[in-house]
Amino acid sequence: MKNAENYLIAHDIKPTAVRIVVWNEIAKNNTPFSLKDVEQSLPYMDRSSIFRSLKLFTEKHLLHEIDDGSGFVKYCVCHCDSSLHLGHPHFTCVECGKTFCLSETTIPLVTLPQDYKPAEVEYIIKGYCPACARKK
């Protein structure tokens, strides 16, 4: 508990009991997750409290949102050095729908025209994950 509390304080987040519980749960994830996934892990907690915590963690750059085309926002614990989330791309399987962090792969640098200032960078690769590719 103390580690989560200190981590949240270090990121300018007031460590409420709800935020600590939510952070401890999502920090276990090595793969992207949705609000629904967190709800299932914490069935005793109110959905709106979980959602507000996820939004705050995203605003403070502890998480980043992934739009994998599923219609549901997925989240990933952020290990990026900046608010642009330039750390790694994500892979979404078109067969099983799972999304994976490709943390060993870097996003190629894209040079923008003058006067364009990026606010966020997303890089999604779609295809077949190893398990689904073996089935094909």
C-alpha atoms as a PDB file:
ATOM      1  CA  MET A   1       0.000   0.000   0.000  1.00  0.00           C
ATOM      2  CA  LYS A   2       2.741   2.443   0.950  1.00  0.00           C
ATOM      3  CA  ASN A   3       4.533   2.023  -2.400  1.00  0.00           C
ATOM      4  CA  ALA A   4       1.348   2.843  -4.336  1.00  0.00           C
ATOM      5  CA  GLU A   5       0.676   5.802  -2.065  1.00  0.00           C
ATOM      6  CA  ASN A   6       4.186   7.189  -2.565  1.00  0.00           C
ATOM      7  CA  TYR A   7       4.018   6.568  -6.320  1.00  0.00           C
ATOM      8  CA  LEU A   8       0.756   8.482  -6.641  1.00  0.00           C
ATOM      9  CA  ILE A   9       2.041  11.363  -4.499  1.00  0.00           C
ATOM     10  CA  ALA A  10       5.186  11.532  -6.659  1.00  0.00           C
ATOM     11  CA  HIS A  11       2.900  12.018  -9.675  1.00  0.00           C
ATOM     12  CA  ASP A  12       0.855  14.757  -7.994  1.00  0.00           C
ATOM     13  CA  ILE A  13      -2.149  12.522  -7.305  1.00  0.00           C
ATOM     14  CA  LYS A  14      -3.897  12.558  -3.940  1.00  0.00           C
ATOM     15  CA  PRO A  15      -3.694   8.915  -2.763  1.00  0.00           C
ATOM     16  CA  THR A  16      -7.285   8.149  -1.788  1.00  0.00           C
ATOM     17  CA  ALA A  17      -8.232   4.615  -0.777  1.00  0.00           C
ATOM     18  CA  VAL A  18     -10.012   4.040  -4.110  1.00  0.00           C
ATOM     19  CA  ARG A  19      -7.063   5.277  -6.174  1.00  0.00           C
ATOM     20  CA  ILE A  20      -4.621   3.117  -4.237  1.00  0.00           C
ATOM     21  CA  VAL A  21      -6.752  -0.003  -4.725  1.00  0.00           C
ATOM     22  CA  VAL A  22      -7.250   0.734  -8.439  1.00  0.00           C
ATOM     23  CA  TRP A  23      -3.556   1.502  -8.980  1.00  0.00           C
ATOM     24  CA  ASN A  24      -2.455  -1.676  -7.180  1.00  0.00           C
ATOM     25  CA  GLU A  25      -4.793  -3.701  -9.394  1.00  0.00           C
ATOM     26  CA  ILE A  26      -3.817  -2.165 -12.723  1.00  0.00           C
ATOM     27  CA  ALA A  27      -0.101  -2.029 -11.941  1.00  0.00           C
ATOM     28  CA  LYS A  28      -0.145  -5.859 -12.068  1.00  0.00           C
ATOM     29  CA  ASN A  29      -1.101  -5.743 -15.752  1.00  0.00           C
ATOM     30  CA  ASN A  30       1.576  -6.430 -18.326  1.00  0.00           C
ATOM     31  CA  THR A  31      -0.961  -6.158 -21.119  1.00  0.00           C
ATOM     32  CA  PRO A  32      -3.538  -3.535 -22.089  1.00  0.00           C
ATOM     33  CA  PHE A  33      -6.816  -3.649 -20.181  1.00  0.00           C
ATOM     34  CA  SER A  34     -10.258  -2.070 -20.334  1.00  0.00           C
ATOM     35  CA  LEU A  35     -12.540  -0.515 -17.740  1.00  0.00           C
ATOM     36  CA  LYS A  36     -14.543  -3.745 -17.867  1.00  0.00           C
ATOM     37  CA  ASP A  37     -11.421  -5.775 -17.017  1.00  0.00           C
ATOM     38  CA  VAL A  38     -10.781  -3.631 -13.933  1.00  0.00           C
ATOM     39  CA  GLU A  39     -14.445  -3.849 -12.922  1.00  0.00           C
ATOM     40  CA  GLN A  40     -14.245  -7.645 -13.058  1.00  0.00           C
ATOM     41  CA  SER A  41     -11.088  -7.590 -10.929  1.00  0.00           C
ATOM     42  CA  LEU A  42     -12.679  -5.255  -8.387  1.00  0.00           C
ATOM     43  CA  PRO A  43     -16.364  -6.307  -8.300  1.00  0.00           C
ATOM     44  CA  TYR A  44     -16.942  -4.610  -4.940  1.00  0.00           C
ATOM     45  CA  MET A  45     -15.951  -1.197  -6.298  1.00  0.00           C
ATOM     46  CA  ASP A  46     -18.212   1.316  -8.017  1.00  0.00           C
ATOM     47  CA  ARG A  47     -17.748   1.562 -11.810  1.00  0.00           C
ATOM     48  CA  SER A  48     -17.699   5.370 -11.798  1.00  0.00           C
ATOM     49  CA  SER A  49     -14.980   5.442  -9.116  1.00  0.00           C
ATOM     50  CA  ILE A  50     -12.827   3.111 -11.207  1.00  0.00           C
ATOM     51  CA  PHE A  51     -13.470   5.180 -14.334  1.00  0.00           C
ATOM     52  CA  ARG A  52     -12.564   8.458 -12.590  1.00  0.00           C
ATOM     53  CA  SER A  53      -9.328   6.902 -11.318  1.00  0.00           C
ATOM     54  CA  LEU A  54      -8.401   5.653 -14.801  1.00  0.00           C
ATOM     55  CA  LYS A  55      -9.091   9.097 -16.306  1.00  0.00           C
ATOM     56  CA  LEU A  56      -6.968  10.807 -13.642  1.00  0.00           C
ATOM     57  CA  PHE A  57      -4.117   8.326 -14.125  1.00  0.00           C
ATOM     58  CA  THR A  58      -4.316   9.007 -17.861  1.00  0.00           C
ATOM     59  CA  GLU A  59      -4.265  12.790 -17.345  1.00  0.00           C
ATOM     60  CA  LYS A  60      -1.202  12.432 -15.110  1.00  0.00           C
ATOM     61  CA  HIS A  61       0.512  10.165 -17.689  1.00  0.00           C
ATOM     62  CA  LEU A  62       0.577   7.021 -15.545  1.00  0.00           C
ATOM     63  CA  LEU A  63      -1.583   5.312 -18.172  1.00  0.00           C
ATOM     64  CA  HIS A  64      -2.148   5.872 -21.819  1.00  0.00           C
ATOM     65  CA  GLU A  65      -5.276   5.164 -23.776  1.00  0.00           C
ATOM     66  CA  ILE A  66      -5.239   2.871 -26.770  1.00  0.00           C
ATOM     67  CA  ASP A  67      -7.825   3.119 -29.526  1.00  0.00           C
ATOM     68  CA  ASP A  68      -7.528  -0.324 -31.078  1.00  0.00           C
ATOM     69  CA  GLY A  69     -10.675   0.026 -33.171  1.00  0.00           C
ATOM     70  CA  SER A  70     -12.737  -2.233 -30.873  1.00  0.00           C
ATOM     71  CA  GLY A  71     -14.985   0.608 -29.753  1.00  0.00           C
ATOM     72  CA  PHE A  72     -13.722   0.237 -26.176  1.00  0.00           C
ATOM     73  CA  VAL A  73     -10.893   2.282 -24.732  1.00  0.00           C
ATOM     74  CA  LYS A  74      -8.007   0.148 -23.557  1.00  0.00           C
ATOM     75  CA  TYR A  75      -5.372   1.355 -21.142  1.00  0.00           C
ATOM     76  CA  CYS A  76      -1.721   0.506 -20.740  1.00  0.00           C
ATOM     77  CA  VAL A  77       0.561   1.340 -17.821  1.00  0.00           C
ATOM     78  CA  CYS A  78       2.830   4.035 -19.177  1.00  0.00           C
ATOM     79  CA  HIS A  79       6.581   3.596 -19.116  1.00  0.00           C
ATOM     80  CA  CYS A  80       7.172   6.430 -21.577  1.00  0.00           C
ATOM     81  CA  ASP A  81       9.509   9.335 -20.985  1.00  0.00           C
ATOM     82  CA  SER A  82       7.087  11.971 -22.227  1.00  0.00           C
ATOM     83  CA  SER A  83       3.429  12.839 -22.434  1.00  0.00           C
ATOM     84  CA  LEU A  84       3.460  11.934 -26.149  1.00  0.00           C
ATOM     85  CA  HIS A  85       3.725   8.216 -25.344  1.00  0.00           C
ATOM     86  CA  LEU A  86       6.431   7.634 -27.896  1.00  0.00           C
ATOM     87  CA  GLY A  87       7.543   4.453 -26.190  1.00  0.00           C
ATOM     88  CA  HIS A  88       6.040   1.563 -28.144  1.00  0.00           C
ATOM     89  CA  PRO A  89       3.360   0.508 -30.610  1.00  0.00           C
ATOM     90  CA  HIS A  90       0.477  -1.858 -29.933  1.00  0.00           C
ATOM     91  CA  PHE A  91      -0.726  -4.905 -31.831  1.00  0.00           C
ATOM     92  CA  THR A  92      -4.399  -5.883 -32.049  1.00  0.00           C
ATOM     93  CA  CYS A  93      -5.339  -9.368 -33.158  1.00  0.00           C
ATOM     94  CA  VAL A  94      -8.164  -9.302 -35.720  1.00  0.00           C
ATOM     95  CA  GLU A  95      -9.138 -12.860 -34.722  1.00  0.00           C
ATOM     96  CA  CYS A  96      -9.335 -12.857 -30.889  1.00  0.00           C
ATOM     97  CA  GLY A  97      -9.514  -9.081 -30.345  1.00  0.00           C
ATOM     98  CA  LYS A  98      -6.698  -8.954 -27.798  1.00  0.00           C
ATOM     99  CA  THR A  99      -4.343  -5.985 -27.798  1.00  0.00           C
ATOM    100  CA  PHE A 100      -0.678  -6.364 -26.920  1.00  0.00           C
ATOM    101  CA  CYS A 101       2.049  -3.878 -26.002  1.00  0.00           C
ATOM    102  CA  LEU A 102       5.065  -4.256 -28.260  1.00  0.00           C
ATOM    103  CA  SER A 103       7.399  -2.754 -25.698  1.00  0.00           C
ATOM    104  CA  GLU A 104      10.544  -4.050 -27.426  1.00  0.00           C
ATOM    105  CA  THR A 105       9.596  -2.196 -30.628  1.00  0.00           C
ATOM    106  CA  THR A 106       9.954   1.555 -31.049  1.00  0.00           C
ATOM    107  CA  ILE A 107       7.625   3.779 -33.003  1.00  0.00           C
ATOM    108  CA  PRO A 108       9.383   5.207 -36.049  1.00  0.00           C
ATOM    109  CA  LEU A 109       9.953   8.944 -35.902  1.00  0.00           C
ATOM    110  CA  VAL A 110       7.648  10.882 -38.219  1.00  0.00           C
ATOM    111  CA  THR A 111       8.745  14.347 -39.256  1.00  0.00           C
ATOM    112  CA  LEU A 112       5.821  16.736 -39.352  1.00  0.00           C
ATOM    113  CA  PRO A 113       5.562  19.855 -41.479  1.00  0.00           C
ATOM    114  CA  GLN A 114       6.533  23.127 -39.845  1.00  0.00           C
ATOM    115  CA  ASP A 115       3.925  24.558 -37.423  1.00  0.00           C
ATOM    116  CA  TYR A 116       2.376  21.140 -36.715  1.00  0.00           C
ATOM    117  CA  LYS A 117       2.684  20.209 -33.067  1.00  0.00           C
ATOM    118  CA  PRO A 118       1.767  16.645 -32.025  1.00  0.00           C
ATOM    119  CA  ALA A 119      -0.303  16.145 -28.892  1.00  0.00           C
ATOM    120  CA  GLU A 120      -0.427  12.358 -28.934  1.00  0.00           C
ATOM    121  CA  VAL A 121       1.039   9.533 -30.985  1.00  0.00           C
ATOM    122  CA  GLU A 122      -0.674   6.171 -31.470  1.00  0.00           C
ATOM    123  CA  TYR A 123       0.655   3.310 -33.517  1.00  0.00           C
ATOM    124  CA  ILE A 124      -1.567   0.240 -33.882  1.00  0.00           C
ATOM    125  CA  ILE A 125      -0.629  -2.769 -35.954  1.00  0.00           C
ATOM    126  CA  LYS A 126      -3.450  -5.189 -36.759  1.00  0.00           C
ATOM    127  CA  GLY A 127      -3.003  -8.814 -37.699  1.00  0.00           C
ATOM    128  CA  TYR A 128      -2.935 -12.247 -36.102  1.00  0.00           C
ATOM    129  CA  CYS A 129      -1.358 -12.896 -32.696  1.00  0.00           C
ATOM    130  CA  PRO A 130       0.884 -15.981 -32.410  1.00  0.00           C
ATOM    131  CA  ALA A 131      -1.907 -18.152 -30.937  1.00  0.00           C
ATOM    132  CA  CYS A 132      -4.421 -17.228 -33.644  1.00  0.00           C
ATOM    133  CA  ALA A 133      -1.823 -17.459 -36.413  1.00  0.00           C
ATOM    134  CA  ARG A 134      -1.096 -21.081 -35.380  1.00  0.00           C
ATOM    135  CA  LYS A 135      -4.798 -21.902 -35.741  1.00  0.00           C
ATOM    136  CA  LYS A 136      -4.907 -20.615 -39.314  1.00  0.00           C
END
